[in-house]
C-alpha atoms as a PDB file:
ATOM      1  CA  MET A   1      -5.201  -3.581 -22.243  1.00  0.00           C
ATOM      2  CA  SER A   2      -2.481  -4.895 -19.979  1.00  0.00           C
ATOM      3  CA  LYS A   3      -0.990  -2.663 -17.285  1.00  0.00           C
ATOM      4  CA  LYS A   4       2.338  -3.542 -15.698  1.00  0.00           C
ATOM      5  CA  ILE A   5       3.390  -2.211 -12.310  1.00  0.00           C
ATOM      6  CA  HIS A   6       6.810  -2.758 -10.795  1.00  0.00           C
ATOM      7  CA  PHE A   7       7.394  -1.963  -7.122  1.00  0.00           C
ATOM      8  CA  GLN A   8      10.993  -1.322  -6.082  1.00  0.00           C
ATOM      9  CA  LEU A   9      10.794  -1.856  -2.322  1.00  0.00           C
ATOM     10  CA  ASN A  10      14.478  -2.146  -1.477  1.00  0.00           C
ATOM     11  CA  GLN A  11      15.106   1.611  -1.325  1.00  0.00           C
ATOM     12  CA  LYS A  12      16.111   1.752   2.356  1.00  0.00           C
ATOM     13  CA  ASN A  13      19.895   1.913   2.020  1.00  0.00           C
ATOM     14  CA  THR A  14      20.182   3.574  -1.374  1.00  0.00           C
ATOM     15  CA  THR A  15      20.725   7.173  -2.365  1.00  0.00           C
ATOM     16  CA  PRO A  16      18.221   9.763  -1.138  1.00  0.00           C
ATOM     17  CA  LEU A  17      14.889   9.329  -2.830  1.00  0.00           C
ATOM     18  CA  CYS A  18      13.485  12.098  -4.971  1.00  0.00           C
ATOM     19  CA  GLU A  19       9.858  13.159  -5.206  1.00  0.00           C
ATOM     20  CA  ASN A  20       9.554  11.388  -8.552  1.00  0.00           C
ATOM     21  CA  VAL A  21      10.126   7.992  -6.895  1.00  0.00           C
ATOM     22  CA  TYR A  22       7.468   8.716  -4.267  1.00  0.00           C
ATOM     23  CA  SER A  23       5.018  10.022  -6.880  1.00  0.00           C
ATOM     24  CA  LYS A  24       5.353   6.907  -9.024  1.00  0.00           C
ATOM     25  CA  PHE A  25       5.076   4.621  -5.997  1.00  0.00           C
ATOM     26  CA  ALA A  26       1.969   6.455  -4.741  1.00  0.00           C
ATOM     27  CA  SER A  27       0.398   6.403  -8.192  1.00  0.00           C
ATOM     28  CA  ASP A  28       1.034   2.662  -8.600  1.00  0.00           C
ATOM     29  CA  VAL A  29      -0.365   1.807  -5.154  1.00  0.00           C
ATOM     30  CA  HIS A  30      -3.394   3.998  -5.832  1.00  0.00           C
ATOM     31  CA  PHE A  31      -3.994   2.214  -9.141  1.00  0.00           C
ATOM     32  CA  LEU A  32      -3.623  -1.167  -7.431  1.00  0.00           C
ATOM     33  CA  MET A  33      -6.172  -0.182  -4.758  1.00  0.00           C
ATOM     34  CA  GLN A  34      -8.593   1.010  -7.430  1.00  0.00           C
ATOM     35  CA  SER A  35      -8.265  -2.283  -9.245  1.00  0.00           C
ATOM     36  CA  LEU A  36      -9.123  -4.118  -5.997  1.00  0.00           C
ATOM     37  CA  TYR A  37     -12.383  -2.168  -5.782  1.00  0.00           C
ATOM     38  CA  GLY A  38     -13.442  -1.474  -9.314  1.00  0.00           C
ATOM     39  CA  GLY A  39     -11.635  -3.990 -11.441  1.00  0.00           C
ATOM     40  CA  ARG A  40     -10.104  -1.186 -13.480  1.00  0.00           C
ATOM     41  CA  ALA A  41      -7.372  -3.388 -14.857  1.00  0.00           C
ATOM     42  CA  PRO A  42      -8.402  -7.017 -15.333  1.00  0.00           C
ATOM     43  CA  ASP A  43      -5.052  -7.822 -16.934  1.00  0.00           C
ATOM     44  CA  LEU A  44      -2.879  -6.180 -14.280  1.00  0.00           C
ATOM     45  CA  ARG A  45       0.649  -7.557 -13.867  1.00  0.00           C
ATOM     46  CA  VAL A  46       2.564  -6.721 -10.723  1.00  0.00           C
ATOM     47  CA  SER A  47       6.227  -7.409 -10.058  1.00  0.00           C
ATOM     48  CA  MET A  48       8.268  -6.540  -6.985  1.00  0.00           C
ATOM     49  CA  ALA A  49      11.887  -6.149  -6.019  1.00  0.00           C
ATOM     50  CA  GLY A  50      12.834  -6.418  -2.371  1.00  0.00           C
ATOM     51  CA  ASP A  51      13.556  -8.938   0.315  1.00  0.00           C
ATOM     52  CA  GLN A  52      10.883 -11.161   1.822  1.00  0.00           C
ATOM     53  CA  ALA A  53      10.239  -8.895   4.818  1.00  0.00           C
ATOM     54  CA  GLN A  54       9.751  -5.861   2.559  1.00  0.00           C
ATOM     55  CA  ILE A  55       7.352  -7.664   0.262  1.00  0.00           C
ATOM     56  CA  MET A  56       5.372  -9.133   3.160  1.00  0.00           C
ATOM     57  CA  SER A  57       5.139  -5.734   4.863  1.00  0.00           C
ATOM     58  CA  PHE A  58       3.860  -4.219   1.598  1.00  0.00           C
ATOM     59  CA  PHE A  59       1.130  -6.830   1.214  1.00  0.00           C
ATOM     60  CA  THR A  60       0.179  -6.593   4.882  1.00  0.00           C
ATOM     61  CA  ALA A  61      -0.156  -2.806   4.644  1.00  0.00           C
ATOM     62  CA  LEU A  62      -2.147  -3.112   1.406  1.00  0.00           C
ATOM     63  CA  GLN A  63      -4.448  -5.713   2.945  1.00  0.00           C
ATOM     64  CA  ARG A  64      -4.982  -3.624   6.079  1.00  0.00           C
ATOM     65  CA  GLU A  65      -5.637  -0.534   3.938  1.00  0.00           C
ATOM     66  CA  LYS A  66      -8.389  -2.394   2.110  1.00  0.00           C
ATOM     67  CA  ARG A  67      -9.815  -3.773   5.355  1.00  0.00           C
ATOM     68  CA  TYR A  68      -9.920  -0.275   6.837  1.00  0.00           C
ATOM     69  CA  MET A  69     -11.644   1.140   3.765  1.00  0.00           C
ATOM     70  CA  ASP A  70     -14.179  -1.703   3.741  1.00  0.00           C
ATOM     71  CA  SER A  71     -14.939  -1.166   7.425  1.00  0.00           C
ATOM     72  CA  PHE A  72     -15.266   2.584   6.950  1.00  0.00           C
ATOM     73  CA  LEU A  73     -17.685   2.130   4.051  1.00  0.00           C
ATOM     74  CA  LYS A  74     -19.760  -0.482   5.880  1.00  0.00           C
ATOM     75  CA  HIS A  75     -19.815   0.843   9.452  1.00  0.00           C
ATOM     76  CA  GLY A  76     -18.768   4.495   9.326  1.00  0.00           C
ATOM     77  CA  LEU A  77     -15.853   6.283  10.887  1.00  0.00           C
ATOM     78  CA  ASN A  78     -16.837   6.080  14.569  1.00  0.00           C
ATOM     79  CA  ASP A  79     -17.553   2.347  14.730  1.00  0.00           C
ATOM     80  CA  ALA A  80     -15.366   0.118  16.927  1.00  0.00           C
ATOM     81  CA  GLN A  81     -14.532  -2.194  14.005  1.00  0.00           C
ATOM     82  CA  THR A  82     -13.339   0.769  11.946  1.00  0.00           C
ATOM     83  CA  THR A  83     -11.224   2.032  14.830  1.00  0.00           C
ATOM     84  CA  THR A  84      -9.653  -1.408  15.279  1.00  0.00           C
ATOM     85  CA  SER A  85      -8.960  -1.619  11.553  1.00  0.00           C
ATOM     86  CA  ARG A  86      -7.339   1.804  11.709  1.00  0.00           C
ATOM     87  CA  TYR A  87      -4.980   0.762  14.530  1.00  0.00           C
ATOM     88  CA  GLN A  88      -4.043  -2.395  12.632  1.00  0.00           C
ATOM     89  CA  LEU A  89      -3.415  -0.320   9.512  1.00  0.00           C
ATOM     90  CA  ASP A  90      -1.228   2.143  11.439  1.00  0.00           C
ATOM     91  CA  GLY A  91       0.906  -0.722  12.737  1.00  0.00           C
ATOM     92  CA  ALA A  92       1.262  -2.251   9.273  1.00  0.00           C
ATOM     93  CA  VAL A  93       2.207   1.123   7.776  1.00  0.00           C
ATOM     94  CA  LYS A  94       4.886   1.688  10.426  1.00  0.00           C
ATOM     95  CA  GLN A  95       6.320  -1.760   9.723  1.00  0.00           C
ATOM     96  CA  PHE A  96       6.288  -1.125   5.967  1.00  0.00           C
ATOM     97  CA  GLU A  97       8.021   2.237   6.360  1.00  0.00           C
ATOM     98  CA  PHE A  98      10.622   0.702   8.674  1.00  0.00           C
ATOM     99  CA  GLU A  99      11.335  -2.204   6.323  1.00  0.00           C
ATOM    100  CA  THR A 100      11.496  -0.243   3.079  1.00  0.00           C
ATOM    101  CA  GLY A 101      12.358   3.356   3.926  1.00  0.00           C
ATOM    102  CA  LEU A 102       9.396   4.427   1.768  1.00  0.00           C
ATOM    103  CA  ARG A 103       6.441   6.463   2.988  1.00  0.00           C
ATOM    104  CA  TRP A 104       3.047   4.806   2.701  1.00  0.00           C
ATOM    105  CA  PRO A 105       1.176   6.894   0.116  1.00  0.00           C
ATOM    106  CA  PHE A 106      -2.153   7.218   1.935  1.00  0.00           C
ATOM    107  CA  THR A 107      -2.839   9.389   4.957  1.00  0.00           C
ATOM    108  CA  HIS A 108      -5.976   9.162   7.054  1.00  0.00           C
END
């Protein structure tokens, strides 16, 4: 079964966003993260709309989210590597939120 996800990242200067937009975005990012760990969707197709900075900030935040989760699972919460990964993730999330106007769907 093929699953298609479309991320609309260029929301920054548009009309106020409703909860439905955030819910769909959070659900799609959650599904994408699950597929990175469990291979839930081997035929996953992802498309994006946004400028280069928005797309790069999304992928950076996603990569740092995965790195933080990997470090947490391997070393635990109080390890120095996990703490460093957390700070890097926080910076990437701030950049993503600045570039897109969207909230990052995960809180730690």
